[in-house]
Amino acid sequence: MSAPGAAARVAVVTGASSGIGAETARELARRGWLCVLVARRAGRLEALAAEIGGGAEVEVCDVSDREAVEQVAGRVLARHPAVQLLVNNAGIPARGTFLSVEPDLVERVLRVNYLGSVWCARAFLPGLRAAAAAAGGAHVVNVVSVAGTVSFAPAGAYAASKHAQLAFSRSLRAALAGSGIRVHTVLPGFAETEGFPQQGVLRSPLLRAFVIGPDRIARAIVRAVEHGRGEVTVPWFPYRPISLLQALAPGLMARLVGMSDFRRDAV
C-alpha cells in the first residue's frame, strides 16, 4: 500500500476489460496502485473501475491502432507525468493452422499481440522514464505466452505473434538496461478466460489438465514486478520443460504438438 499522503503509483494495464488484465488490475489495486484501464469495451472497463475504486481510470483504445495509442498516452501522461508500470496484456486468439486461418486474422493477431506492445511501450516511455528518474524506478510487463516459445501448429498465427512479442520483450529489456526501467516477461500456459475458453476448445485431456485461472497469472505478474524477476513461466511445470524441449529437440516437439488440436467446432 502507498504511504499516507503519498501519491499513488500509476499502472497502465491493457486488455483490462476481462481475463488476465482485469485480474491484474484487481491485484494491483489491492496493493494501492492507481490503475489506468485500457481496452476496447468501455462498459466493461467502467464496471471494473467502479469495482476496484482507488481512482481507477478508463481509456478506451484498440492497441493495434498506433495513433489511438499515442492519443491515449498523451491524455494519461497529461494527468500522470510519471507512470511506474505498464502491463502489455492485450491479446486475441487465432485458432487454426497457417493453412486454414483467415488471412485477415493473421494480420490482426500480429497487430494486437505484437505491435500493440510495441506501440504502448513507445508511447508511454516518457512517463516510464520520468518515474525512473524519480528514483523509484519503473517497470514494463509483457504478458507473452508459452506459445511464444513453442511452435504450436494448431494456432500457428497466434504462436508466431507471441514469438515476435517475446523477441520484442527480450530486446526491450536489453535496450533499457541501466535506465531504471525494468522489463519483465511473463509466459503463461493455457489459461481459462473469456477470450481463451481453453476447457471448451482443447481436444486433449492432458492439455486441459494444465489449464489455470487468470488470477494465478495476475499474482505472478505482480510478484515479477515486486521481486525483480526478468522472465517467468507460469506455471513452471510442465511449460518450462516444454519450452526447453522445443529449443533442444525441435523435430521431436513438432511431432508432439502435431498430436494436439482444438475441437473442430471451436476453430
C-alpha atoms as a PDB file:
ATOM      1  CA  MET A   1       0.000   0.000   0.000  1.00  0.00           C
ATOM      2  CA  SER A   2       1.036   3.598  -0.552  1.00  0.00           C
ATOM      3  CA  ALA A   3       2.143   5.562   2.473  1.00  0.00           C
ATOM      4  CA  PRO A   4      -0.434   8.049   3.858  1.00  0.00           C
ATOM      5  CA  GLY A   5      -0.289  11.267   1.864  1.00  0.00           C
ATOM      6  CA  ALA A   6       1.941   9.760  -0.802  1.00  0.00           C
ATOM      7  CA  ALA A   7       0.932   9.887  -4.435  1.00  0.00           C
ATOM      8  CA  ALA A   8      -0.372   6.560  -5.682  1.00  0.00           C
ATOM      9  CA  ARG A   9       1.801   4.621  -8.080  1.00  0.00           C
ATOM     10  CA  VAL A  10       0.287   4.594 -11.561  1.00  0.00           C
ATOM     11  CA  ALA A  11      -0.141   1.390 -13.557  1.00  0.00           C
ATOM     12  CA  VAL A  12      -1.410   1.258 -17.132  1.00  0.00           C
ATOM     13  CA  VAL A  13      -2.974  -2.146 -17.878  1.00  0.00           C
ATOM     14  CA  THR A  14      -4.007  -3.041 -21.418  1.00  0.00           C
ATOM     15  CA  GLY A  15      -6.581  -5.689 -22.204  1.00  0.00           C
ATOM     16  CA  ALA A  16      -8.128  -4.825 -18.843  1.00  0.00           C
ATOM     17  CA  SER A  17     -11.768  -5.492 -19.719  1.00  0.00           C
ATOM     18  CA  SER A  18     -11.593  -9.194 -18.781  1.00  0.00           C
ATOM     19  CA  GLY A  19      -9.359 -12.156 -18.028  1.00  0.00           C
ATOM     20  CA  ILE A  20      -5.723 -11.657 -17.052  1.00  0.00           C
ATOM     21  CA  GLY A  21      -5.870  -7.884 -17.472  1.00  0.00           C
ATOM     22  CA  ALA A  22      -8.878  -7.454 -15.181  1.00  0.00           C
ATOM     23  CA  GLU A  23      -7.401  -9.775 -12.539  1.00  0.00           C
ATOM     24  CA  THR A  24      -4.071  -7.926 -12.700  1.00  0.00           C
ATOM     25  CA  ALA A  25      -5.829  -4.606 -12.162  1.00  0.00           C
ATOM     26  CA  ARG A  26      -7.642  -6.052  -9.147  1.00  0.00           C
ATOM     27  CA  GLU A  27      -4.387  -7.383  -7.715  1.00  0.00           C
ATOM     28  CA  LEU A  28      -2.604  -4.054  -8.222  1.00  0.00           C
ATOM     29  CA  ALA A  29      -5.494  -2.072  -6.752  1.00  0.00           C
ATOM     30  CA  ARG A  30      -5.364  -4.205  -3.600  1.00  0.00           C
ATOM     31  CA  ARG A  31      -1.750  -3.092  -3.262  1.00  0.00           C
ATOM     32  CA  GLY A  32      -2.601   0.594  -3.565  1.00  0.00           C
ATOM     33  CA  TRP A  33      -1.854   1.201  -7.246  1.00  0.00           C
ATOM     34  CA  LEU A  34      -3.911   3.652  -9.275  1.00  0.00           C
ATOM     35  CA  CYS A  35      -4.879   1.688 -12.383  1.00  0.00           C
ATOM     36  CA  VAL A  36      -5.475   3.144 -15.824  1.00  0.00           C
ATOM     37  CA  LEU A  37      -7.619   0.519 -17.542  1.00  0.00           C
ATOM     38  CA  VAL A  38      -7.193   0.245 -21.298  1.00  0.00           C
ATOM     39  CA  ALA A  39      -9.260  -1.889 -23.674  1.00  0.00           C
ATOM     40  CA  ARG A  40     -11.906  -1.600 -26.399  1.00  0.00           C
ATOM     41  CA  ARG A  41     -15.067  -2.210 -24.312  1.00  0.00           C
ATOM     42  CA  ALA A  42     -15.995   0.900 -22.368  1.00  0.00           C
ATOM     43  CA  GLY A  43     -18.797  -0.715 -20.359  1.00  0.00           C
ATOM     44  CA  ARG A  44     -16.559  -3.491 -19.060  1.00  0.00           C
ATOM     45  CA  LEU A  45     -13.819  -1.024 -18.132  1.00  0.00           C
ATOM     46  CA  GLU A  46     -16.219   1.291 -16.300  1.00  0.00           C
ATOM     47  CA  ALA A  47     -17.663  -1.613 -14.312  1.00  0.00           C
ATOM     48  CA  LEU A  48     -14.176  -2.752 -13.301  1.00  0.00           C
ATOM     49  CA  ALA A  49     -13.136   0.794 -12.378  1.00  0.00           C
ATOM     50  CA  ALA A  50     -16.182   1.092 -10.121  1.00  0.00           C
ATOM     51  CA  GLU A  51     -15.372  -2.282  -8.551  1.00  0.00           C
ATOM     52  CA  ILE A  52     -11.718  -1.673  -7.733  1.00  0.00           C
ATOM     53  CA  GLY A  53     -12.071   2.013  -6.842  1.00  0.00           C
ATOM     54  CA  GLY A  54      -8.957   3.900  -5.806  1.00  0.00           C
ATOM     55  CA  GLY A  55      -9.443   6.465  -8.539  1.00  0.00           C
ATOM     56  CA  ALA A  56      -9.166   3.889 -11.335  1.00  0.00           C
ATOM     57  CA  GLU A  57      -9.374   5.482 -14.755  1.00  0.00           C
ATOM     58  CA  VAL A  58     -10.772   4.258 -18.073  1.00  0.00           C
ATOM     59  CA  GLU A  59      -9.267   4.732 -21.523  1.00  0.00           C
ATOM     60  CA  VAL A  60     -10.978   3.089 -24.494  1.00  0.00           C
ATOM     61  CA  CYS A  61      -8.414   2.065 -27.097  1.00  0.00           C
ATOM     62  CA  ASP A  62      -7.563  -0.584 -29.673  1.00  0.00           C
ATOM     63  CA  VAL A  63      -3.840  -1.107 -29.073  1.00  0.00           C
ATOM     64  CA  SER A  64      -3.312  -2.221 -32.664  1.00  0.00           C
ATOM     65  CA  ASP A  65      -4.025   1.364 -33.755  1.00  0.00           C
ATOM     66  CA  ARG A  66      -0.755   3.269 -33.275  1.00  0.00           C
ATOM     67  CA  GLU A  67      -2.333   6.722 -33.494  1.00  0.00           C
ATOM     68  CA  ALA A  68      -5.031   5.790 -30.984  1.00  0.00           C
ATOM     69  CA  VAL A  69      -2.375   4.501 -28.566  1.00  0.00           C
ATOM     70  CA  GLU A  70      -0.407   7.734 -28.890  1.00  0.00           C
ATOM     71  CA  GLN A  71      -3.548   9.767 -28.200  1.00  0.00           C
ATOM     72  CA  VAL A  72      -4.375   7.726 -25.104  1.00  0.00           C
ATOM     73  CA  ALA A  73      -0.805   8.013 -23.838  1.00  0.00           C
ATOM     74  CA  GLY A  74      -0.930  11.764 -24.350  1.00  0.00           C
ATOM     75  CA  ARG A  75      -4.069  12.046 -22.216  1.00  0.00           C
ATOM     76  CA  VAL A  76      -2.730   9.742 -19.492  1.00  0.00           C
ATOM     77  CA  LEU A  77       0.661  11.462 -19.304  1.00  0.00           C
ATOM     78  CA  ALA A  78      -1.035  14.858 -19.082  1.00  0.00           C
ATOM     79  CA  ARG A  79      -2.727  13.602 -15.895  1.00  0.00           C
ATOM     80  CA  HIS A  80       0.172  11.452 -14.664  1.00  0.00           C
ATOM     81  CA  PRO A  81       3.583  12.568 -15.952  1.00  0.00           C
ATOM     82  CA  ALA A  82       5.221   9.608 -14.181  1.00  0.00           C
ATOM     83  CA  VAL A  83       3.974   6.080 -14.902  1.00  0.00           C
ATOM     84  CA  GLN A  84       5.552   3.421 -12.723  1.00  0.00           C
ATOM     85  CA  LEU A  85       4.151   0.358 -14.504  1.00  0.00           C
ATOM     86  CA  LEU A  86       2.958  -0.611 -17.979  1.00  0.00           C
ATOM     87  CA  VAL A  87       1.372  -4.045 -18.353  1.00  0.00           C
ATOM     88  CA  ASN A  88       1.156  -5.047 -22.017  1.00  0.00           C
ATOM     89  CA  ASN A  89      -1.520  -7.696 -21.745  1.00  0.00           C
ATOM     90  CA  ALA A  90      -3.942  -7.084 -24.632  1.00  0.00           C
ATOM     91  CA  GLY A  91      -4.184 -10.092 -26.902  1.00  0.00           C
ATOM     92  CA  ILE A  92      -6.515 -12.074 -29.143  1.00  0.00           C
ATOM     93  CA  PRO A  93      -6.584 -15.759 -30.167  1.00  0.00           C
ATOM     94  CA  ALA A  94      -6.107 -17.145 -33.667  1.00  0.00           C
ATOM     95  CA  ARG A  95      -7.033 -20.814 -33.774  1.00  0.00           C
ATOM     96  CA  GLY A  96      -6.185 -22.822 -36.847  1.00  0.00           C
ATOM     97  CA  THR A  97      -3.067 -23.634 -38.809  1.00  0.00           C
ATOM     98  CA  PHE A  98      -1.425 -21.212 -41.205  1.00  0.00           C
ATOM     99  CA  LEU A  99      -3.132 -23.182 -43.998  1.00  0.00           C
ATOM    100  CA  SER A 100      -6.639 -22.747 -42.604  1.00  0.00           C
ATOM    101  CA  VAL A 101      -6.802 -19.480 -40.654  1.00  0.00           C
ATOM    102  CA  GLU A 102      -8.314 -16.443 -42.386  1.00  0.00           C
ATOM    103  CA  PRO A 103      -5.659 -14.064 -43.808  1.00  0.00           C
ATOM    104  CA  ASP A 104      -7.260 -11.053 -42.104  1.00  0.00           C
ATOM    105  CA  LEU A 105      -6.904 -12.775 -38.734  1.00  0.00           C
ATOM    106  CA  VAL A 106      -3.208 -13.457 -39.384  1.00  0.00           C
ATOM    107  CA  GLU A 107      -2.698  -9.722 -39.797  1.00  0.00           C
ATOM    108  CA  ARG A 108      -4.983  -8.772 -36.919  1.00  0.00           C
ATOM    109  CA  VAL A 109      -3.317 -11.072 -34.370  1.00  0.00           C
ATOM    110  CA  LEU A 110       0.106  -9.661 -35.234  1.00  0.00           C
ATOM    111  CA  ARG A 111      -1.123  -6.086 -34.892  1.00  0.00           C
ATOM    112  CA  VAL A 112      -2.728  -6.692 -31.493  1.00  0.00           C
ATOM    113  CA  ASN A 113      -0.436  -9.225 -29.809  1.00  0.00           C
ATOM    114  CA  TYR A 114       2.912  -7.970 -31.085  1.00  0.00           C
ATOM    115  CA  LEU A 115       2.639  -4.434 -32.432  1.00  0.00           C
ATOM    116  CA  GLY A 116       0.242  -3.385 -29.676  1.00  0.00           C
ATOM    117  CA  SER A 117       3.009  -3.987 -27.129  1.00  0.00           C
ATOM    118  CA  VAL A 118       5.488  -2.050 -29.254  1.00  0.00           C
ATOM    119  CA  TRP A 119       3.200   0.963 -29.696  1.00  0.00           C
ATOM    120  CA  CYS A 120       2.322   1.080 -25.977  1.00  0.00           C
ATOM    121  CA  ALA A 121       5.944   0.812 -24.834  1.00  0.00           C
ATOM    122  CA  ARG A 122       6.986   3.619 -27.162  1.00  0.00           C
ATOM    123  CA  ALA A 123       4.040   5.857 -26.302  1.00  0.00           C
ATOM    124  CA  PHE A 124       4.354   5.517 -22.516  1.00  0.00           C
ATOM    125  CA  LEU A 125       8.154   5.643 -22.462  1.00  0.00           C
ATOM    126  CA  PRO A 126       8.287   9.330 -21.378  1.00  0.00           C
ATOM    127  CA  GLY A 127       6.176   8.507 -18.322  1.00  0.00           C
ATOM    128  CA  LEU A 128       8.256   5.453 -17.509  1.00  0.00           C
ATOM    129  CA  ARG A 129      11.448   7.483 -17.811  1.00  0.00           C
ATOM    130  CA  ALA A 130      10.011  10.169 -15.534  1.00  0.00           C
ATOM    131  CA  ALA A 131       9.207   7.530 -12.909  1.00  0.00           C
ATOM    132  CA  ALA A 132      12.682   6.021 -13.235  1.00  0.00           C
ATOM    133  CA  ALA A 133      14.287   9.440 -12.835  1.00  0.00           C
ATOM    134  CA  ALA A 134      12.354   9.968  -9.618  1.00  0.00           C
ATOM    135  CA  ALA A 135      14.477   7.160  -8.098  1.00  0.00           C
ATOM    136  CA  GLY A 136      11.521   4.854  -7.598  1.00  0.00           C
ATOM    137  CA  GLY A 137      12.115   3.012 -10.838  1.00  0.00           C
ATOM    138  CA  ALA A 138       9.612   1.870 -13.435  1.00  0.00           C
ATOM    139  CA  HIS A 139       8.508  -1.423 -14.930  1.00  0.00           C
ATOM    140  CA  VAL A 140       7.173  -2.872 -18.173  1.00  0.00           C
ATOM    141  CA  VAL A 141       5.495  -6.271 -18.063  1.00  0.00           C
ATOM    142  CA  ASN A 142       4.915  -8.021 -21.368  1.00  0.00           C
ATOM    143  CA  VAL A 143       2.383 -10.813 -20.980  1.00  0.00           C
ATOM    144  CA  VAL A 144       3.531 -13.150 -23.734  1.00  0.00           C
ATOM    145  CA  SER A 145       2.635 -16.864 -23.596  1.00  0.00           C
ATOM    146  CA  VAL A 146       4.332 -20.214 -23.600  1.00  0.00           C
ATOM    147  CA  ALA A 147       3.162 -20.153 -27.233  1.00  0.00           C
ATOM    148  CA  GLY A 148       5.975 -17.645 -27.714  1.00  0.00           C
ATOM    149  CA  THR A 149       8.461 -20.464 -27.113  1.00  0.00           C
ATOM    150  CA  VAL A 150       6.688 -23.375 -28.811  1.00  0.00           C
ATOM    151  CA  SER A 151       5.699 -23.652 -32.480  1.00  0.00           C
ATOM    152  CA  PHE A 152       2.115 -24.765 -31.808  1.00  0.00           C
ATOM    153  CA  ALA A 153       0.740 -25.600 -35.264  1.00  0.00           C
ATOM    154  CA  PRO A 154      -2.980 -25.708 -34.278  1.00  0.00           C
ATOM    155  CA  ALA A 155      -2.692 -21.971 -33.507  1.00  0.00           C
ATOM    156  CA  GLY A 156       0.140 -21.058 -35.862  1.00  0.00           C
ATOM    157  CA  ALA A 157      -0.599 -17.364 -36.341  1.00  0.00           C
ATOM    158  CA  TYR A 158      -1.101 -16.858 -32.611  1.00  0.00           C
ATOM    159  CA  ALA A 159       2.174 -18.638 -31.822  1.00  0.00           C
ATOM    160  CA  ALA A 160       4.008 -16.530 -34.411  1.00  0.00           C
ATOM    161  CA  SER A 161       2.630 -13.317 -32.896  1.00  0.00           C
ATOM    162  CA  LYS A 162       3.796 -14.427 -29.461  1.00  0.00           C
ATOM    163  CA  HIS A 163       7.232 -15.412 -30.757  1.00  0.00           C
ATOM    164  CA  ALA A 164       7.513 -11.853 -32.088  1.00  0.00           C
ATOM    165  CA  GLN A 165       6.311 -10.380 -28.788  1.00  0.00           C
ATOM    166  CA  LEU A 166       8.821 -12.485 -26.850  1.00  0.00           C
ATOM    167  CA  ALA A 167      11.671 -11.275 -29.060  1.00  0.00           C
ATOM    168  CA  PHE A 168      10.449  -7.707 -28.565  1.00  0.00           C
ATOM    169  CA  SER A 169      10.306  -8.111 -24.783  1.00  0.00           C
ATOM    170  CA  ARG A 170      13.805  -9.554 -24.546  1.00  0.00           C
ATOM    171  CA  SER A 171      15.172  -6.891 -26.886  1.00  0.00           C
ATOM    172  CA  LEU A 172      13.449  -4.112 -24.933  1.00  0.00           C
ATOM    173  CA  ARG A 173      14.943  -5.421 -21.708  1.00  0.00           C
ATOM    174  CA  ALA A 174      18.424  -5.133 -23.220  1.00  0.00           C
ATOM    175  CA  ALA A 175      17.727  -1.713 -24.722  1.00  0.00           C
ATOM    176  CA  LEU A 176      16.550  -0.300 -21.367  1.00  0.00           C
ATOM    177  CA  ALA A 177      19.286  -1.868 -19.233  1.00  0.00           C
ATOM    178  CA  GLY A 178      20.698   0.720 -16.853  1.00  0.00           C
ATOM    179  CA  SER A 179      17.818   3.154 -17.435  1.00  0.00           C
ATOM    180  CA  GLY A 180      15.950   2.358 -14.233  1.00  0.00           C
ATOM    181  CA  ILE A 181      13.124   0.782 -16.265  1.00  0.00           C
ATOM    182  CA  ARG A 182      12.906  -2.963 -15.629  1.00  0.00           C
ATOM    183  CA  VAL A 183      11.323  -5.170 -18.293  1.00  0.00           C
ATOM    184  CA  HIS A 184       9.598  -8.371 -17.192  1.00  0.00           C
ATOM    185  CA  THR A 185       8.367 -11.149 -19.461  1.00  0.00           C
ATOM    186  CA  VAL A 186       5.570 -13.358 -18.170  1.00  0.00           C
ATOM    187  CA  LEU A 187       4.812 -16.539 -20.120  1.00  0.00           C
ATOM    188  CA  PRO A 188       1.532 -18.148 -19.052  1.00  0.00           C
ATOM    189  CA  GLY A 189       0.496 -21.589 -20.153  1.00  0.00           C
ATOM    190  CA  PHE A 190      -3.088 -22.340 -21.149  1.00  0.00           C
ATOM    191  CA  ALA A 191      -5.380 -20.032 -19.157  1.00  0.00           C
ATOM    192  CA  GLU A 192      -9.155 -20.097 -18.961  1.00  0.00           C
ATOM    193  CA  THR A 193     -10.519 -16.648 -19.871  1.00  0.00           C
ATOM    194  CA  GLU A 194     -13.412 -15.205 -21.838  1.00  0.00           C
ATOM    195  CA  GLY A 195     -11.297 -14.760 -24.953  1.00  0.00           C
ATOM    196  CA  PHE A 196      -9.458 -18.056 -24.461  1.00  0.00           C
ATOM    197  CA  PRO A 197     -12.022 -20.658 -23.244  1.00  0.00           C
ATOM    198  CA  GLN A 198      -9.459 -23.442 -23.177  1.00  0.00           C
ATOM    199  CA  GLN A 199     -11.521 -26.093 -21.404  1.00  0.00           C
ATOM    200  CA  GLY A 200     -14.119 -25.851 -24.141  1.00  0.00           C
ATOM    201  CA  VAL A 201     -11.827 -25.793 -27.159  1.00  0.00           C
ATOM    202  CA  LEU A 202      -8.854 -28.046 -26.364  1.00  0.00           C
ATOM    203  CA  ARG A 203      -9.313 -31.602 -27.589  1.00  0.00           C
ATOM    204  CA  SER A 204      -6.513 -33.139 -25.483  1.00  0.00           C
ATOM    205  CA  PRO A 205      -7.488 -34.144 -21.903  1.00  0.00           C
ATOM    206  CA  LEU A 206      -3.801 -33.863 -20.966  1.00  0.00           C
ATOM    207  CA  LEU A 207      -3.638 -30.225 -22.071  1.00  0.00           C
ATOM    208  CA  ARG A 208      -6.946 -29.457 -20.357  1.00  0.00           C
ATOM    209  CA  ALA A 209      -5.493 -30.794 -17.097  1.00  0.00           C
ATOM    210  CA  PHE A 210      -2.922 -27.997 -17.055  1.00  0.00           C
ATOM    211  CA  VAL A 211      -5.281 -25.075 -17.724  1.00  0.00           C
ATOM    212  CA  ILE A 212      -5.055 -22.428 -14.982  1.00  0.00           C
ATOM    213  CA  GLY A 213      -7.096 -19.386 -13.966  1.00  0.00           C
ATOM    214  CA  PRO A 214      -6.224 -15.738 -14.725  1.00  0.00           C
ATOM    215  CA  ASP A 215      -5.932 -14.901 -11.021  1.00  0.00           C
ATOM    216  CA  ARG A 216      -2.846 -17.108 -10.722  1.00  0.00           C
ATOM    217  CA  ILE A 217      -1.220 -15.303 -13.641  1.00  0.00           C
ATOM    218  CA  ALA A 218      -2.104 -11.908 -12.194  1.00  0.00           C
ATOM    219  CA  ARG A 219      -0.342 -12.804  -8.947  1.00  0.00           C
ATOM    220  CA  ALA A 220       2.707 -13.943 -10.930  1.00  0.00           C
ATOM    221  CA  ILE A 221       2.767 -10.613 -12.772  1.00  0.00           C
ATOM    222  CA  VAL A 222       2.723  -8.627  -9.549  1.00  0.00           C
ATOM    223  CA  ARG A 223       5.375 -10.852  -7.961  1.00  0.00           C
ATOM    224  CA  ALA A 224       7.616 -10.409 -11.001  1.00  0.00           C
ATOM    225  CA  VAL A 225       7.463  -6.640 -10.511  1.00  0.00           C
ATOM    226  CA  GLU A 226       7.876  -6.747  -6.740  1.00  0.00           C
ATOM    227  CA  HIS A 227      10.785  -9.209  -6.808  1.00  0.00           C
ATOM    228  CA  GLY A 228      12.527  -8.055  -9.983  1.00  0.00           C
ATOM    229  CA  ARG A 229      12.076 -11.295 -11.901  1.00  0.00           C
ATOM    230  CA  GLY A 230      13.057 -10.873 -15.540  1.00  0.00           C
ATOM    231  CA  GLU A 231      11.320 -13.833 -17.179  1.00  0.00           C
ATOM    232  CA  VAL A 232       8.672 -16.021 -15.569  1.00  0.00           C
ATOM    233  CA  THR A 233       6.833 -19.111 -16.837  1.00  0.00           C
ATOM    234  CA  VAL A 234       3.571 -19.781 -15.003  1.00  0.00           C
ATOM    235  CA  PRO A 235       3.107 -22.480 -14.004  1.00  0.00           C
ATOM    236  CA  TRP A 236       6.715 -23.650 -14.254  1.00  0.00           C
ATOM    237  CA  PHE A 237       5.672 -27.275 -14.816  1.00  0.00           C
ATOM    238  CA  PRO A 238       5.009 -28.539 -17.410  1.00  0.00           C
ATOM    239  CA  TYR A 239       5.506 -25.448 -19.528  1.00  0.00           C
ATOM    240  CA  ARG A 240       9.147 -24.589 -18.862  1.00  0.00           C
ATOM    241  CA  PRO A 241      10.360 -28.114 -19.706  1.00  0.00           C
ATOM    242  CA  ILE A 242       8.229 -27.977 -22.869  1.00  0.00           C
ATOM    243  CA  SER A 243       9.898 -24.701 -23.854  1.00  0.00           C
ATOM    244  CA  LEU A 244      13.330 -26.236 -23.294  1.00  0.00           C
ATOM    245  CA  LEU A 245      12.373 -29.290 -25.336  1.00  0.00           C
ATOM    246  CA  GLN A 246      11.377 -27.020 -28.219  1.00  0.00           C
ATOM    247  CA  ALA A 247      14.823 -25.402 -28.141  1.00  0.00           C
ATOM    248  CA  LEU A 248      16.762 -28.656 -27.768  1.00  0.00           C
ATOM    249  CA  ALA A 249      14.710 -31.019 -29.938  1.00  0.00           C
ATOM    250  CA  PRO A 250      12.506 -29.043 -32.320  1.00  0.00           C
ATOM    251  CA  GLY A 251      11.831 -32.072 -34.536  1.00  0.00           C
ATOM    252  CA  LEU A 252      10.506 -34.124 -31.635  1.00  0.00           C
ATOM    253  CA  MET A 253       8.484 -31.172 -30.391  1.00  0.00           C
ATOM    254  CA  ALA A 254       6.913 -30.703 -33.812  1.00  0.00           C
ATOM    255  CA  ARG A 255       5.675 -34.292 -33.725  1.00  0.00           C
ATOM    256  CA  LEU A 256       4.325 -33.952 -30.180  1.00  0.00           C
ATOM    257  CA  VAL A 257       2.399 -30.723 -30.751  1.00  0.00           C
ATOM    258  CA  GLY A 258       1.120 -32.132 -34.024  1.00  0.00           C
ATOM    259  CA  MET A 259      -0.828 -34.616 -31.924  1.00  0.00           C
ATOM    260  CA  SER A 260      -2.640 -31.769 -30.175  1.00  0.00           C
ATOM    261  CA  ASP A 261      -5.530 -29.874 -31.653  1.00  0.00           C
ATOM    262  CA  PHE A 262      -8.624 -27.820 -30.998  1.00  0.00           C
ATOM    263  CA  ARG A 263     -12.073 -29.270 -31.350  1.00  0.00           C
ATOM    264  CA  ARG A 264     -13.258 -28.854 -34.928  1.00  0.00           C
ATOM    265  CA  ASP A 265     -16.393 -26.935 -33.877  1.00  0.00           C
ATOM    266  CA  ALA A 266     -14.246 -24.471 -31.865  1.00  0.00           C
ATOM    267  CA  VAL A 267     -11.914 -23.333 -34.656  1.00  0.00           C
END
